[in-house]
Amino acid sequence: MWLNIDSYEFSNKIFITMLRDTLIKNTINNLKKLPDQKIKEVSDFAEFLLSKSDDMLLTEGIQKLAAESKSFEFLKDEEDIYTSDDLKEIYK
């Protein structure tokens, strides 16, 4: 039997969405059982995770821009000034 990739990806996305929704509901139910101080800690941690995620997206965006930039294209035509023969020490 051949597996249709499109239907597999679609059903996989549905499964992930259902799993995500279940995790969110379970987390909310657990939060309702916690004392106020613990809820504050969970909130702070969630904000930390979001800022970390934002930082990662920003870093990836900057890396992509730098990689696609033509700023250093002129270096491709430059002659190599040094070779491995010029090294005094070689680390392995």
Protein backbone atom coordinates (compact mmCIF):
# COMPACT_ATOMS: atom_id res chain seq x y z
CA MET A 1 0.00 0.00 0.00
CA TRP A 2 1.36 3.40 -0.98
CA LEU A 3 1.24 6.22 1.52
CA ASN A 4 0.03 9.53 0.21
CA ILE A 5 2.50 12.07 1.62
CA ASP A 6 -0.01 14.94 1.48
CA SER A 7 -2.60 13.03 3.51
CA TYR A 8 0.10 11.87 5.95
CA GLU A 9 1.30 15.44 6.53
CA PHE A 10 -2.29 16.62 6.92
CA SER A 11 -3.16 13.90 9.46
CA ASN A 12 0.14 14.51 11.27
CA LYS A 13 -0.70 18.23 11.60
CA ILE A 14 -4.14 17.34 12.97
CA PHE A 15 -2.55 14.97 15.51
CA ILE A 16 -0.03 17.61 16.60
CA THR A 17 -2.82 20.21 16.91
CA MET A 18 -4.91 17.81 19.00
CA LEU A 19 -1.91 16.99 21.18
CA ARG A 20 -1.16 20.70 21.62
CA ASP A 21 -4.77 21.46 22.59
CA THR A 22 -4.77 18.59 25.09
CA LEU A 23 -1.50 19.77 26.63
CA ILE A 24 -2.85 23.32 26.94
CA LYS A 25 -6.05 22.11 28.60
CA ASN A 26 -4.12 19.88 31.02
CA THR A 27 -1.75 22.73 31.86
CA ILE A 28 -4.63 25.11 32.54
CA ASN A 29 -6.28 22.52 34.79
CA ASN A 30 -3.03 22.04 36.69
CA LEU A 31 -2.52 25.80 37.00
CA LYS A 32 -5.94 26.13 38.63
CA LYS A 33 -4.73 23.80 41.39
CA LEU A 34 -1.56 25.76 42.17
CA PRO A 35 -1.16 28.49 44.80
CA ASP A 36 -0.73 32.07 43.57
CA GLN A 37 3.06 32.14 44.03
CA LYS A 38 3.52 29.02 41.90
CA ILE A 39 1.27 30.47 39.19
CA LYS A 40 3.53 33.55 39.14
CA GLU A 41 6.58 31.28 38.73
CA VAL A 42 4.93 29.44 35.82
CA SER A 43 4.01 32.76 34.22
CA ASP A 44 7.57 34.06 34.59
CA PHE A 45 8.93 30.85 33.08
CA ALA A 46 6.52 31.05 30.14
CA GLU A 47 7.65 34.65 29.49
CA PHE A 48 11.28 33.49 29.65
CA LEU A 49 10.59 30.76 27.08
CA LEU A 50 8.85 33.24 24.79
CA SER A 51 11.71 35.74 24.98
CA LYS A 52 14.20 32.94 24.34
CA SER A 53 12.16 31.90 21.30
CA ASP A 54 12.00 35.50 20.08
CA ASP A 55 15.77 35.85 20.50
CA MET A 56 16.34 32.65 18.53
CA LEU A 57 14.09 33.85 15.69
CA LEU A 58 15.89 37.18 15.61
CA THR A 59 19.30 35.48 15.55
CA GLU A 60 18.22 33.14 12.76
CA GLY A 61 16.90 36.10 10.77
CA ILE A 62 20.17 37.99 11.16
CA GLN A 63 22.16 34.90 10.16
CA LYS A 64 20.00 34.46 7.07
CA LEU A 65 20.44 38.10 6.08
CA ALA A 66 24.21 37.88 6.54
CA ALA A 67 24.43 34.63 4.58
CA GLU A 68 22.42 36.03 1.68
CA SER A 69 24.19 39.39 1.74
CA LYS A 70 26.46 40.36 -1.12
CA SER A 71 28.56 42.63 1.13
CA PHE A 72 31.61 40.37 1.11
CA GLU A 73 31.22 39.09 -2.44
CA PHE A 74 34.34 41.01 -3.49
CA LEU A 75 36.43 38.68 -1.30
CA LYS A 76 35.73 35.74 -3.60
CA ASP A 77 37.91 37.34 -6.26
CA GLU A 78 40.74 38.12 -3.83
CA GLU A 79 43.93 36.12 -3.98
CA ASP A 80 44.68 34.04 -0.89
CA ILE A 81 47.42 35.81 1.05
CA TYR A 82 48.25 32.95 3.42
CA THR A 83 48.39 29.19 3.08
CA SER A 84 48.70 26.39 5.61
CA ASP A 85 52.48 26.50 4.98
CA ASP A 86 52.55 29.89 6.72
CA LEU A 87 51.31 28.42 10.02
CA LYS A 88 53.81 28.12 12.83
CA GLU A 89 51.70 25.61 14.76
CA ILE A 90 48.96 23.28 13.59
CA TYR A 91 46.38 22.15 16.12
CA LYS A 92 44.58 18.87 15.70
